[in-house]
Amino acid sequence: MGTISIIGIIVMQIYWVQKAFDINDKQFNQTINIALKRVADQIATFNNGTLPAENPVNQLSSDYYVVNVNTIIDANVLEYYLRQEFLKVNMNLDYEYAIYDCATNKMMYGKYVSPSRHEEKPKVTVNLPRYDKFPYYFGIHFPAKSTLLAGKMNIWIFSSAILLIVVTFFGYALYIILKQSRLSEIQKDFVNNMTHEFKTPLSTIAISTDVLSDKDILDNPDTLFNYVNVIKQENTRLIGQVEKVLQMANLDRNEVKLNREKIALHDILINAINPMRVGYKNKIINITHHFDATNDFIFADRVHVSNIIYNLLDNAIKYSDEIADIEVNTFNKNHNLIVSISDKGIGIEKKEQKNIFQKFYRVPTGNVHNVKGFGLGLHYVKNIVKAHRWTISLISEPGKGSTFTFQMPNINE
């Protein structure tokens, strides 16, 4: 409704401005018609002639008129009458005129008159077009007519400018409202996801503590050990989730400090790939790698680089089916190290790809919520890549998988 209102306001303003311009144009034409008809009457009287019965003034364009006087025209007499009649109607506007010469079939005796500057600029001709229907006529052109009409519309121009400013702010307000609405939805999804992520380990810990509170558990040390180990794992998981949220908060405040050092990326990739092969239940993980880069040394933060590799591999596994086929490739190009991580998972729609690096954003999956997460992983990846001044790109097709590629400058071995 707000968009329709804005469009309606703009359309109505354009309509009324056009209407006002048309009214001013019509008034100008009527004034000029009256003045030129009087000039034609006076010239006919001066030459003891008579005018035709129809209106002698013909408008050929918005600013060009021809006047049929039905008698020979003297240039000095014509200019005198033009000055007098334009003065009577308060028409203080530049004009140029020319008289048709039937002997040469040309417009002759042209002159440019500027009453406002009291100047006269003689011209042999002002290139005014001929009008073949009259034998004796003169043509008059008003080159500044549009400027005059625009000057009479100052109030309309001012009101249009004010309206444009108001509409701009209104449109901006609508944009902010829609953006806030979207952020509110994202925040709600984040809270729901975070609640779910925290609820599961907390429930597991609660159940484990209930079991451990039983005195008979001391008689079964293996069960005691298993439940203590479960509490330890879930506690580590909770700490990791909290750490991820705090890490993103620090990123947003630009408080992340990079401890850059010379590192061999292939070693980090191997250290990230090996745990992934056995770290997921109910999935078969097939990760292959082709390290074609002859120089894998970069200057970067070891911890953050390990985290972005982990996040990309984790996403590749989570968004694959029961069998996750993942390929990690490296190669050198133009003194850069290129790394790509590809999967054959569900892929990402083209319209969603521009949003996946936004904080809290998760690709909509309808009522199916089988993939856990906060929507922070790729946002973290993007920020770390940006902090290192690297680049990252995505190629994805629904049903065929995704490939994340980032490149970083090499350093000498």
Protein backbone atom coordinates (compact mmCIF):
# COMPACT_ATOMS: atom_id res chain seq x y z
CA MET A 1 0.00 0.00 0.00
CA GLY A 2 2.88 2.34 0.74
CA THR A 3 4.40 1.65 -2.69
CA ILE A 4 1.03 2.19 -4.39
CA SER A 5 0.62 5.46 -2.46
CA ILE A 6 4.05 6.70 -3.54
CA ILE A 7 3.38 5.82 -7.18
CA GLY A 8 -0.05 7.48 -6.98
CA ILE A 9 1.40 10.67 -5.50
CA ILE A 10 4.11 10.87 -8.16
CA VAL A 11 1.63 10.21 -10.99
CA MET A 12 -0.78 12.86 -9.68
CA GLN A 13 2.01 15.41 -9.28
CA ILE A 14 3.23 14.76 -12.82
CA TYR A 15 -0.37 15.12 -14.05
CA TRP A 16 -0.92 18.46 -12.31
CA VAL A 17 2.45 19.86 -13.37
CA GLN A 18 1.67 18.88 -16.95
CA LYS A 19 -1.80 20.38 -16.56
CA ALA A 20 -0.35 23.64 -15.22
CA PHE A 21 2.16 23.76 -18.09
CA ASP A 22 -0.64 23.17 -20.63
CA ILE A 23 -2.72 25.98 -19.09
CA ASN A 24 0.21 28.42 -19.23
CA ASP A 25 0.93 27.31 -22.79
CA LYS A 26 -2.71 27.85 -23.76
CA GLN A 27 -2.74 31.31 -22.16
CA PHE A 28 0.46 32.22 -24.00
CA ASN A 29 -0.96 31.04 -27.33
CA GLN A 30 -4.18 32.99 -26.78
CA THR A 31 -2.24 36.15 -25.91
CA ILE A 32 0.01 35.79 -28.95
CA ASN A 33 -3.00 35.09 -31.19
CA ILE A 34 -4.74 38.26 -30.02
CA ALA A 35 -1.61 40.39 -30.46
CA LEU A 36 -0.77 38.99 -33.90
CA LYS A 37 -4.37 39.36 -35.12
CA ARG A 38 -4.26 43.03 -34.15
CA VAL A 39 -0.96 43.40 -36.01
CA ALA A 40 -2.55 41.83 -39.10
CA ASP A 41 -5.58 44.19 -38.80
CA GLN A 42 -3.34 47.25 -38.52
CA ILE A 43 -1.17 46.23 -41.48
CA ALA A 44 -4.30 45.62 -43.60
CA THR A 45 -5.68 49.02 -42.57
CA PHE A 46 -2.33 50.69 -43.28
CA ASN A 47 -2.36 49.18 -46.81
CA ASN A 48 -6.10 49.84 -47.33
CA GLY A 49 -6.61 46.09 -47.66
CA THR A 50 -8.90 43.55 -46.08
CA LEU A 51 -8.15 40.40 -44.11
CA PRO A 52 -9.61 37.02 -44.99
CA ALA A 53 -12.72 35.90 -43.08
CA GLU A 54 -10.92 33.12 -41.22
CA ASN A 55 -8.41 33.69 -38.45
CA PRO A 56 -5.21 35.00 -40.08
CA VAL A 57 -2.98 33.54 -37.35
CA ASN A 58 -1.84 29.94 -37.76
CA GLN A 59 0.32 28.14 -35.22
CA LEU A 60 2.66 25.72 -36.99
CA SER A 61 4.51 24.55 -33.88
CA SER A 62 4.61 25.30 -30.18
CA ASP A 63 6.76 28.41 -30.72
CA TYR A 64 6.27 29.33 -34.42
CA TYR A 65 3.35 31.27 -35.95
CA VAL A 66 2.55 32.53 -39.43
CA VAL A 67 0.17 35.44 -40.01
CA ASN A 68 -1.75 35.94 -43.29
CA VAL A 69 -2.11 39.70 -43.98
CA ASN A 70 -3.34 39.35 -47.58
CA THR A 71 -1.26 42.37 -48.64
CA ILE A 72 2.32 43.53 -49.11
CA ILE A 73 4.26 43.84 -45.84
CA ASP A 74 6.70 46.61 -45.02
CA ALA A 75 9.35 45.38 -42.56
CA ASN A 76 9.53 48.64 -40.60
CA VAL A 77 5.75 48.87 -40.29
CA LEU A 78 5.56 45.22 -39.21
CA GLU A 79 8.20 45.66 -36.51
CA TYR A 80 6.54 48.82 -35.22
CA TYR A 81 3.17 47.12 -34.83
CA LEU A 82 4.73 44.03 -33.29
CA ARG A 83 6.44 46.14 -30.63
CA GLN A 84 3.26 48.09 -29.89
CA GLU A 85 0.98 45.06 -29.58
CA PHE A 86 3.42 43.00 -27.54
CA LEU A 87 3.84 45.97 -25.22
CA LYS A 88 0.05 46.15 -24.73
CA VAL A 89 -0.17 42.51 -23.68
CA ASN A 90 2.98 42.82 -21.55
CA MET A 91 4.86 40.29 -23.67
CA ASN A 92 8.48 41.10 -22.84
CA LEU A 93 9.92 38.12 -24.71
CA ASP A 94 12.62 37.70 -27.36
CA TYR A 95 11.34 36.89 -30.81
CA GLU A 96 12.55 36.66 -34.38
CA TYR A 97 10.50 37.34 -37.46
CA ALA A 98 10.79 37.05 -41.21
CA ILE A 99 8.60 38.11 -44.17
CA TYR A 100 7.75 35.84 -47.07
CA ASP A 101 8.92 37.13 -50.46
CA CYS A 102 6.82 35.56 -53.21
CA ALA A 103 9.27 36.72 -55.88
CA THR A 104 12.09 34.58 -54.49
CA ASN A 105 9.88 32.09 -52.63
CA LYS A 106 11.97 32.63 -49.49
CA MET A 107 11.59 34.06 -46.01
CA MET A 108 13.38 37.44 -46.09
CA TYR A 109 14.07 40.50 -43.94
CA GLY A 110 14.73 38.48 -40.82
CA LYS A 111 15.51 40.15 -37.51
CA TYR A 112 16.00 39.00 -33.92
CA VAL A 113 14.46 41.34 -31.36
CA SER A 114 15.23 41.24 -27.63
CA PRO A 115 12.95 43.75 -25.83
CA SER A 116 14.31 42.85 -22.40
CA ARG A 117 17.85 43.88 -23.44
CA HIS A 118 16.78 46.53 -25.91
CA GLU A 119 18.78 44.83 -28.60
CA GLU A 120 18.11 44.17 -32.24
CA LYS A 121 20.15 41.61 -34.14
CA PRO A 122 19.56 41.84 -37.90
CA LYS A 123 19.57 38.57 -39.76
CA VAL A 124 19.19 37.92 -43.47
CA THR A 125 16.95 35.03 -42.50
CA VAL A 126 16.26 33.12 -39.35
CA ASN A 127 15.58 29.94 -41.30
CA LEU A 128 11.90 30.07 -40.51
CA PRO A 129 9.95 27.54 -42.58
CA ARG A 130 7.70 28.67 -45.41
CA TYR A 131 3.94 28.19 -45.47
CA ASP A 132 2.65 27.58 -48.98
CA LYS A 133 -1.02 28.36 -48.34
CA PHE A 134 -0.60 32.18 -48.11
CA PRO A 135 0.89 34.57 -50.69
CA TYR A 136 1.47 37.43 -48.24
CA TYR A 137 2.41 36.56 -44.67
CA PHE A 138 5.10 36.85 -42.04
CA GLY A 139 6.43 34.28 -39.61
CA ILE A 140 7.39 34.85 -35.99
CA HIS A 141 9.31 32.56 -33.70
CA PHE A 142 9.68 32.70 -29.89
CA PRO A 143 12.91 30.80 -29.04
CA ALA A 144 12.58 31.43 -25.28
CA LYS A 145 8.96 30.35 -24.95
CA SER A 146 9.74 27.18 -22.97
CA THR A 147 11.94 29.16 -20.58
CA LEU A 148 9.16 31.70 -20.06
CA LEU A 149 6.59 29.00 -19.30
CA ALA A 150 8.98 27.25 -16.94
CA GLY A 151 9.58 30.54 -15.15
CA LYS A 152 5.85 30.90 -14.57
CA MET A 153 5.80 27.49 -12.91
CA ASN A 154 8.23 28.26 -10.06
CA ILE A 155 5.67 27.36 -7.42
CA TRP A 156 4.97 24.04 -9.15
CA ILE A 157 8.67 23.26 -9.46
CA PHE A 158 9.19 24.16 -5.80
CA SER A 159 6.25 22.03 -4.66
CA SER A 160 7.46 19.14 -6.84
CA ALA A 161 10.92 19.37 -5.27
CA ILE A 162 9.41 19.34 -1.77
CA LEU A 163 7.20 16.41 -2.73
CA LEU A 164 10.19 14.55 -4.17
CA ILE A 165 12.08 15.01 -0.90
CA VAL A 166 9.07 13.80 1.11
CA VAL A 167 8.54 10.81 -1.17
CA THR A 168 12.27 9.98 -0.96
CA PHE A 169 12.19 9.97 2.84
CA PHE A 170 8.94 8.02 2.81
CA GLY A 171 10.44 5.47 0.43
CA TYR A 172 13.54 5.24 2.62
CA ALA A 173 11.31 4.73 5.67
CA LEU A 174 9.51 1.90 3.85
CA TYR A 175 12.87 0.35 2.99
CA ILE A 176 13.98 0.53 6.64
CA ILE A 177 10.67 -0.96 7.81
CA LEU A 178 10.97 -3.87 5.38
CA LYS A 179 14.62 -4.35 6.32
CA GLN A 180 13.80 -4.33 10.03
CA SER A 181 10.99 -6.79 9.41
CA ARG A 182 13.41 -9.09 7.61
CA LEU A 183 15.98 -8.71 10.40
CA SER A 184 13.30 -9.48 12.95
CA GLU A 185 12.47 -12.71 11.14
CA ILE A 186 16.15 -13.62 10.93
CA GLN A 187 16.62 -12.84 14.62
CA LYS A 188 13.62 -14.99 15.53
CA ASP A 189 15.01 -17.87 13.46
CA PHE A 190 18.38 -17.42 15.14
CA VAL A 191 16.86 -17.52 18.62
CA ASN A 192 14.88 -20.64 17.70
CA ASN A 193 17.96 -22.34 16.28
CA MET A 194 20.11 -21.32 19.24
CA THR A 195 17.47 -22.56 21.69
CA HIS A 196 17.36 -25.88 19.87
CA GLU A 197 21.15 -26.14 19.74
CA PHE A 198 21.47 -25.44 23.48
CA LYS A 199 18.45 -27.47 24.55
CA THR A 200 19.72 -30.78 23.19
CA PRO A 201 23.07 -30.88 25.08
CA LEU A 202 21.48 -29.45 28.22
CA SER A 203 18.82 -32.17 28.14
CA THR A 204 21.49 -34.79 27.65
CA ILE A 205 23.48 -33.40 30.58
CA ALA A 206 20.35 -33.31 32.76
CA ILE A 207 19.57 -36.96 32.00
CA SER A 208 23.19 -37.95 32.66
CA THR A 209 23.27 -36.15 36.00
CA ASP A 210 20.02 -37.88 37.01
CA VAL A 211 21.66 -41.22 36.27
CA LEU A 212 24.83 -40.28 38.13
CA SER A 213 22.83 -39.21 41.15
CA ASP A 214 21.75 -42.84 41.63
CA LYS A 215 23.88 -44.50 44.32
CA ASP A 216 23.88 -47.80 42.44
CA ILE A 217 25.90 -46.20 39.63
CA LEU A 218 29.01 -46.55 41.78
CA ASP A 219 28.72 -50.31 41.46
CA ASN A 220 28.96 -50.03 37.68
CA PRO A 221 32.15 -48.10 36.84
CA ASP A 222 31.80 -48.62 33.07
CA THR A 223 28.38 -46.97 33.00
CA LEU A 224 29.67 -44.21 35.28
CA PHE A 225 32.56 -43.56 32.92
CA ASN A 226 30.25 -43.49 29.86
CA TYR A 227 27.88 -40.95 31.41
CA VAL A 228 30.74 -38.77 32.65
CA ASN A 229 32.16 -38.88 29.12
CA VAL A 230 28.75 -37.87 27.69
CA ILE A 231 28.59 -34.88 30.07
CA LYS A 232 32.11 -33.90 29.06
CA GLN A 233 31.30 -34.10 25.33
CA GLU A 234 28.07 -32.15 25.65
CA ASN A 235 29.78 -29.55 27.80
CA THR A 236 32.47 -29.15 25.15
CA ARG A 237 29.76 -28.82 22.54
CA LEU A 238 28.02 -26.09 24.55
CA ILE A 239 31.27 -24.20 25.03
CA GLY A 240 31.89 -24.43 21.29
CA GLN A 241 28.44 -23.02 20.48
CA VAL A 242 28.85 -20.15 22.95
CA GLU A 243 32.31 -19.46 21.62
CA LYS A 244 30.93 -19.28 18.08
CA VAL A 245 28.33 -16.66 19.09
CA LEU A 246 30.92 -14.62 21.02
CA GLN A 247 33.31 -14.89 18.11
CA MET A 248 30.71 -13.38 15.76
CA ALA A 249 30.02 -10.57 18.24
CA ASN A 250 33.73 -9.74 18.25
CA LEU A 251 33.77 -9.80 14.45
CA ASP A 252 30.92 -7.29 14.32
CA ARG A 253 32.84 -4.99 16.66
CA ASN A 254 35.98 -5.42 14.56
CA GLU A 255 37.80 -6.78 17.61
CA VAL A 256 39.30 -9.79 15.85
CA LYS A 257 43.07 -9.57 15.78
CA LEU A 258 44.91 -11.71 13.28
CA ASN A 259 48.08 -13.38 14.47
CA ARG A 260 49.67 -13.74 11.07
CA GLU A 261 52.48 -16.19 10.52
CA LYS A 262 53.95 -18.25 7.76
CA ILE A 263 51.93 -21.45 7.45
CA ALA A 264 51.74 -24.41 5.05
CA LEU A 265 48.10 -24.68 4.02
CA HIS A 266 48.29 -28.34 2.95
CA ASP A 267 49.08 -29.37 6.53
CA ILE A 268 46.06 -27.41 7.81
CA LEU A 269 43.83 -28.99 5.18
CA ILE A 270 44.96 -32.51 6.12
CA ASN A 271 44.44 -31.77 9.83
CA ALA A 272 40.91 -30.55 9.07
CA ILE A 273 39.98 -33.34 6.63
CA ASN A 274 40.97 -36.36 8.72
CA PRO A 275 38.64 -35.71 11.71
CA MET A 276 35.79 -34.95 9.33
CA ARG A 277 35.90 -38.45 7.86
CA VAL A 278 34.82 -39.99 11.19
CA GLY A 279 33.12 -37.12 13.00
CA TYR A 280 29.55 -37.62 11.77
CA LYS A 281 27.05 -40.30 12.63
CA ASN A 282 24.62 -41.81 10.12
CA LYS A 283 26.64 -40.48 7.17
CA ILE A 284 29.28 -41.94 4.93
CA ILE A 285 31.97 -39.31 4.39
CA ASN A 286 34.15 -39.56 1.27
CA ILE A 287 36.69 -36.74 1.12
CA THR A 288 39.27 -36.74 -1.67
CA HIS A 289 41.95 -34.14 -2.16
CA HIS A 290 44.20 -33.07 -5.02
CA PHE A 291 46.98 -30.79 -3.86
CA ASP A 292 48.39 -29.54 -7.17
CA ALA A 293 49.83 -26.36 -5.64
CA THR A 294 53.62 -26.49 -5.64
CA ASN A 295 53.77 -23.58 -3.20
CA ASP A 296 51.26 -23.78 -0.34
CA PHE A 297 52.87 -21.21 1.97
CA ILE A 298 50.75 -18.22 2.99
CA PHE A 299 50.93 -15.48 5.59
CA ALA A 300 47.80 -15.86 7.72
CA ASP A 301 46.25 -16.59 11.10
CA ARG A 302 46.53 -20.35 11.65
CA VAL A 303 43.51 -20.64 13.96
CA HIS A 304 41.13 -18.64 11.77
CA VAL A 305 42.27 -20.40 8.59
CA SER A 306 41.61 -23.75 10.29
CA ASN A 307 38.16 -22.50 11.31
CA ILE A 308 37.12 -21.41 7.81
CA ILE A 309 38.29 -24.76 6.38
CA TYR A 310 36.31 -26.55 9.08
CA ASN A 311 33.19 -24.44 8.43
CA LEU A 312 33.27 -25.09 4.69
CA LEU A 313 33.81 -28.82 5.15
CA ASP A 314 31.12 -28.94 7.83
CA ASN A 315 28.61 -27.26 5.51
CA ALA A 316 29.55 -29.56 2.65
CA ILE A 317 28.80 -32.59 4.86
CA LYS A 318 25.63 -31.23 6.48
CA TYR A 319 24.05 -30.30 3.15
CA SER A 320 24.83 -33.63 1.51
CA ASP A 321 22.72 -36.79 1.55
CA GLU A 322 23.61 -39.98 3.44
CA ILE A 323 26.76 -40.25 1.33
CA ALA A 324 28.80 -37.04 1.33
CA ASP A 325 31.26 -36.86 -1.58
CA ILE A 326 33.61 -33.93 -1.06
CA GLU A 327 36.64 -32.85 -3.06
CA VAL A 328 39.35 -30.44 -1.91
CA ASN A 329 41.68 -29.01 -4.56
CA THR A 330 44.59 -26.57 -4.51
CA PHE A 331 46.67 -25.02 -7.27
CA ASN A 332 48.82 -21.96 -7.91
CA LYS A 333 47.87 -19.15 -10.28
CA ASN A 334 49.52 -15.75 -10.76
CA HIS A 335 51.43 -15.97 -7.46
CA ASN A 336 48.21 -16.90 -5.63
CA LEU A 337 47.17 -20.08 -3.87
CA ILE A 338 43.69 -21.19 -4.96
CA VAL A 339 41.66 -23.53 -2.73
CA SER A 340 38.30 -25.04 -3.71
CA ILE A 341 35.99 -27.21 -1.63
CA SER A 342 33.28 -28.96 -3.65
CA ASP A 343 30.38 -31.19 -2.70
CA LYS A 344 27.59 -33.03 -4.50
CA GLY A 345 24.89 -32.00 -2.06
CA ILE A 346 21.57 -30.21 -2.38
CA GLY A 347 23.05 -27.03 -3.87
CA ILE A 348 21.79 -23.47 -3.50
CA GLU A 349 19.25 -21.60 -5.59
CA LYS A 350 20.62 -18.67 -7.60
CA LYS A 351 18.38 -16.16 -5.79
CA GLU A 352 19.66 -17.36 -2.39
CA GLN A 353 23.38 -17.25 -3.21
CA LYS A 354 23.71 -13.49 -2.68
CA ASN A 355 22.43 -13.84 0.92
CA ILE A 356 24.31 -16.85 2.24
CA PHE A 357 27.18 -14.79 3.70
CA GLN A 358 24.80 -12.62 5.74
CA LYS A 359 24.71 -13.11 9.48
CA PHE A 360 22.00 -15.49 10.75
CA TYR A 361 20.88 -16.23 7.20
CA ARG A 362 19.95 -19.81 6.38
CA VAL A 363 18.60 -21.07 3.08
CA PRO A 364 14.85 -21.65 3.53
CA THR A 365 13.92 -25.33 3.68
CA GLY A 366 10.19 -24.99 4.39
CA ASN A 367 9.03 -27.03 7.37
CA VAL A 368 12.03 -29.34 7.25
CA HIS A 369 14.65 -28.50 9.91
CA ASN A 370 17.05 -31.40 9.59
CA VAL A 371 20.21 -29.26 9.42
CA LYS A 372 21.39 -27.67 12.64
CA GLY A 373 23.18 -24.36 12.91
CA PHE A 374 22.91 -20.65 13.70
CA GLY A 375 23.52 -19.28 10.24
CA LEU A 376 26.86 -17.88 11.41
CA GLY A 377 29.38 -20.16 9.71
CA LEU A 378 29.56 -18.57 6.26
CA HIS A 379 29.27 -15.09 7.74
CA TYR A 380 32.35 -15.91 9.81
CA VAL A 381 34.13 -17.29 6.74
CA LYS A 382 33.37 -14.13 4.74
CA ASN A 383 34.64 -11.86 7.52
CA ILE A 384 37.87 -13.78 8.04
CA VAL A 385 38.51 -13.87 4.29
CA LYS A 386 37.85 -10.13 4.16
CA ALA A 387 40.12 -9.48 7.15
CA HIS A 388 42.94 -11.27 5.34
CA ARG A 389 42.07 -9.32 2.16
CA TRP A 390 41.45 -12.51 0.24
CA THR A 391 38.53 -13.28 -2.06
CA ILE A 392 35.91 -16.02 -1.93
CA SER A 393 33.38 -17.08 -4.57
CA LEU A 394 30.58 -19.60 -4.91
CA ILE A 395 29.36 -21.73 -7.80
CA SER A 396 26.27 -23.77 -7.01
CA GLU A 397 23.41 -25.51 -8.76
CA PRO A 398 20.39 -27.07 -7.01
CA GLY A 399 20.64 -30.84 -6.92
CA LYS A 400 24.25 -30.89 -8.15
CA GLY A 401 26.20 -29.36 -5.29
CA SER A 402 28.30 -26.33 -4.44
CA THR A 403 31.91 -25.21 -4.85
CA PHE A 404 33.49 -22.57 -2.62
CA THR A 405 36.73 -21.13 -3.98
CA PHE A 406 39.00 -18.67 -2.24
CA GLN A 407 42.38 -17.36 -3.22
CA MET A 408 45.21 -15.93 -1.18
CA PRO A 409 48.66 -14.54 -2.02
CA ASN A 410 51.59 -16.94 -1.88
CA ILE A 411 54.78 -16.23 -0.03
CA ASN A 412 58.14 -17.69 -0.84
CA GLU A 413 59.07 -21.01 0.65
